């Protein structure tokens, strides 16, 4: 399991950051994806299947994070600070 995490950690973090553009939020998404991996312990048919699983879960976690009420409120408040 540790080997899989080491292999996919850069992909997951970069994808999470590309979705939210904030380090703290990308860290949270990364942790959520790795928690789901450790909790479910999926088996993969190939490295491509493994990579596809991490991409899909990262995108789903990113969508959930971006839709959260806190994120929407925080983003709205930050927009007013810069205007």
C-alpha atoms as a PDB file:
ATOM      1  CA  UNK A   1       0.000   0.000   0.000  1.00  0.00           C
ATOM      2  CA  UNK A   2       2.811   2.371   0.831  1.00  0.00           C
ATOM      3  CA  UNK A   3       4.329   1.738  -2.591  1.00  0.00           C
ATOM      4  CA  UNK A   4       1.068   2.724  -4.318  1.00  0.00           C
ATOM      5  CA  UNK A   5       0.800   5.923  -2.270  1.00  0.00           C
ATOM      6  CA  UNK A   6       4.383   6.863  -3.116  1.00  0.00           C
ATOM      7  CA  UNK A   7       3.766   6.180  -6.788  1.00  0.00           C
ATOM      8  CA  UNK A   8       0.536   8.230  -7.036  1.00  0.00           C
ATOM      9  CA  UNK A   9       1.067  11.044  -4.497  1.00  0.00           C
ATOM     10  CA  UNK A  10       2.445  13.605  -6.979  1.00  0.00           C
ATOM     11  CA  UNK A  11      -0.338  12.978  -9.482  1.00  0.00           C
ATOM     12  CA  UNK A  12      -3.040  13.319  -6.821  1.00  0.00           C
ATOM     13  CA  UNK A  13      -1.625  16.519  -5.335  1.00  0.00           C
ATOM     14  CA  UNK A  14      -1.018  18.216  -8.696  1.00  0.00           C
ATOM     15  CA  UNK A  15      -4.497  17.342  -9.910  1.00  0.00           C
ATOM     16  CA  UNK A  16      -6.090  18.538  -6.659  1.00  0.00           C
ATOM     17  CA  UNK A  17      -4.177  21.821  -6.823  1.00  0.00           C
ATOM     18  CA  UNK A  18      -5.105  22.320 -10.479  1.00  0.00           C
ATOM     19  CA  UNK A  19      -8.764  22.029  -9.492  1.00  0.00           C
ATOM     20  CA  UNK A  20      -8.823  24.374  -6.487  1.00  0.00           C
ATOM     21  CA  UNK A  21      -5.729  26.633  -6.880  1.00  0.00           C
ATOM     22  CA  UNK A  22      -5.203  26.791  -3.106  1.00  0.00           C
ATOM     23  CA  UNK A  23      -2.522  24.886  -1.205  1.00  0.00           C
ATOM     24  CA  UNK A  24      -4.590  24.261   1.935  1.00  0.00           C
ATOM     25  CA  UNK A  25      -7.547  22.966  -0.016  1.00  0.00           C
ATOM     26  CA  UNK A  26      -5.305  20.785  -2.209  1.00  0.00           C
ATOM     27  CA  UNK A  27      -3.774  19.326   0.975  1.00  0.00           C
ATOM     28  CA  UNK A  28      -7.257  18.472   2.276  1.00  0.00           C
ATOM     29  CA  UNK A  29      -8.263  16.850  -1.002  1.00  0.00           C
ATOM     30  CA  UNK A  30      -5.014  14.867  -1.083  1.00  0.00           C
ATOM     31  CA  UNK A  31      -5.625  13.580   2.440  1.00  0.00           C
ATOM     32  CA  UNK A  32      -9.203  12.674   1.608  1.00  0.00           C
ATOM     33  CA  UNK A  33      -8.145  10.692  -1.482  1.00  0.00           C
ATOM     34  CA  UNK A  34      -5.464   8.801   0.441  1.00  0.00           C
ATOM     35  CA  UNK A  35      -7.903   8.105   3.280  1.00  0.00           C
ATOM     36  CA  UNK A  36     -10.364   6.622   0.780  1.00  0.00           C
ATOM     37  CA  UNK A  37      -7.604   4.484  -0.690  1.00  0.00           C
ATOM     38  CA  UNK A  38      -6.521   3.179   2.718  1.00  0.00           C
ATOM     39  CA  UNK A  39     -10.106   2.599   3.838  1.00  0.00           C
ATOM     40  CA  UNK A  40     -11.273   0.747   0.695  1.00  0.00           C
ATOM     41  CA  UNK A  41      -8.015  -1.040  -0.157  1.00  0.00           C
ATOM     42  CA  UNK A  42      -8.956  -1.488  -3.819  1.00  0.00           C
ATOM     43  CA  UNK A  43      -7.072  -3.952  -5.962  1.00  0.00           C
ATOM     44  CA  UNK A  44      -6.034  -2.862  -9.416  1.00  0.00           C
ATOM     45  CA  UNK A  45      -5.662  -4.926 -12.578  1.00  0.00           C
ATOM     46  CA  UNK A  46      -2.834  -2.752 -13.864  1.00  0.00           C
ATOM     47  CA  UNK A  47      -0.920   0.465 -13.241  1.00  0.00           C
ATOM     48  CA  UNK A  48      -3.256   2.204 -15.703  1.00  0.00           C
ATOM     49  CA  UNK A  49      -6.290   1.072 -13.700  1.00  0.00           C
ATOM     50  CA  UNK A  50      -4.623   2.299 -10.493  1.00  0.00           C
ATOM     51  CA  UNK A  51      -3.871   5.689 -12.035  1.00  0.00           C
ATOM     52  CA  UNK A  52      -7.412   6.002 -13.411  1.00  0.00           C
ATOM     53  CA  UNK A  53      -8.859   5.233  -9.954  1.00  0.00           C
ATOM     54  CA  UNK A  54      -6.748   7.935  -8.299  1.00  0.00           C
ATOM     55  CA  UNK A  55      -7.646  10.475 -11.001  1.00  0.00           C
ATOM     56  CA  UNK A  56     -11.386   9.774 -10.708  1.00  0.00           C
ATOM     57  CA  UNK A  57     -11.385   9.866  -6.893  1.00  0.00           C
ATOM     58  CA  UNK A  58      -9.314  13.060  -6.862  1.00  0.00           C
ATOM     59  CA  UNK A  59     -11.694  14.771  -9.276  1.00  0.00           C
ATOM     60  CA  UNK A  60     -14.707  13.643  -7.248  1.00  0.00           C
ATOM     61  CA  UNK A  61     -13.168  14.839  -3.980  1.00  0.00           C
ATOM     62  CA  UNK A  62     -12.280  18.135  -5.645  1.00  0.00           C
ATOM     63  CA  UNK A  63     -15.866  18.644  -6.825  1.00  0.00           C
ATOM     64  CA  UNK A  64     -17.196  17.907  -3.347  1.00  0.00           C
ATOM     65  CA  UNK A  65     -14.691  20.285  -1.791  1.00  0.00           C
ATOM     66  CA  UNK A  66     -15.444  23.075  -4.248  1.00  0.00           C
ATOM     67  CA  UNK A  67     -19.197  22.697  -3.709  1.00  0.00           C
ATOM     68  CA  UNK A  68     -19.003  22.790   0.071  1.00  0.00           C
ATOM     69  CA  UNK A  69     -20.803  25.665   1.744  1.00  0.00           C
ATOM     70  CA  UNK A  70     -17.641  26.786   3.538  1.00  0.00           C
ATOM     71  CA  UNK A  71     -15.713  27.033   0.289  1.00  0.00           C
ATOM     72  CA  UNK A  72     -18.472  28.959  -1.442  1.00  0.00           C
ATOM     73  CA  UNK A  73     -18.749  31.382   1.500  1.00  0.00           C
ATOM     74  CA  UNK A  74     -14.981  31.782   1.817  1.00  0.00           C
ATOM     75  CA  UNK A  75     -14.568  32.431  -1.901  1.00  0.00           C
ATOM     76  CA  UNK A  76     -17.411  34.938  -1.831  1.00  0.00           C
ATOM     77  CA  UNK A  77     -15.828  36.799   1.088  1.00  0.00           C
ATOM     78  CA  UNK A  78     -12.407  36.855  -0.574  1.00  0.00           C
ATOM     79  CA  UNK A  79     -13.932  38.291  -3.751  1.00  0.00           C
ATOM     80  CA  UNK A  80     -15.339  41.197  -1.736  1.00  0.00           C
ATOM     81  CA  UNK A  81     -11.961  41.824  -0.078  1.00  0.00           C
ATOM     82  CA  UNK A  82     -10.231  42.310  -3.431  1.00  0.00           C
ATOM     83  CA  UNK A  83     -12.877  44.647  -4.895  1.00  0.00           C
END
